[in-house]
Amino acid sequence: MRAATPLDRHALERLCAMLLREHQHRYPQTYPALPPDAAAAVYAAEWQRRLESDPTCLVWLAADRAPVGFLAAEVWTRSVGQPTAYLYAEWFFVVPECRGQGIGVALQRLLIDACRARGLTHVECQTVGGDRQWQRRGWTEVASRYMRPVDALAADVERAAADFEWLTAAPTEDPRHDA
């Protein structure tokens, strides 16, 4: 287990693509849809760039002879609310044939050490609907995100607008605005 370096770009890209393929197989309705190889190339290039000099970008690699897992996170801050600084765990993956051997636990130990070294008290993550692995691990669900295509939203809004005469009447000039 070690901190990743910019030289690990290709290993991280391969692992990230594997994660995305597995995730999309399990959750085919994942939004946004990411082409695994293209998305992994973009993420790996970003990690490579940020690992050079950005102390908020934290990536660890599980590797012996070959890379078998990684955890990527970053320090985030919010202008309102507590805690103001926290670690956002964005990517966490161990290749299937190496699961159940403690690799994920070892990667999480590195994350915990990094949090404590930076005085961070919380770790947050996000996942797709239906993925309950974090709850099974004792994490608390604190928010939900929703998506709606614009055309579907427009149809819903127009159906709802029909219930309000003032929204269905012919448009009139707003007296609050002078031409």
Foldseek 3Di string as FASTA:
>chain_A
DFWDALVCLVLQLVQQLVVLVVQCVVPVVDPPNDNSNVVSNVVSVVLSVCRVPPPQWTKDFDDDPGTFWMWIWGWAADPDDPPRIAIETEDTDGHPVPPPVCPSVVNVVVVVVVCVVVVHDYYHYDDDPPPCPVVVVPDDDDDDDDDDPPVVVVVVVVVVLVVPVVSVDDDDDDPVDDD
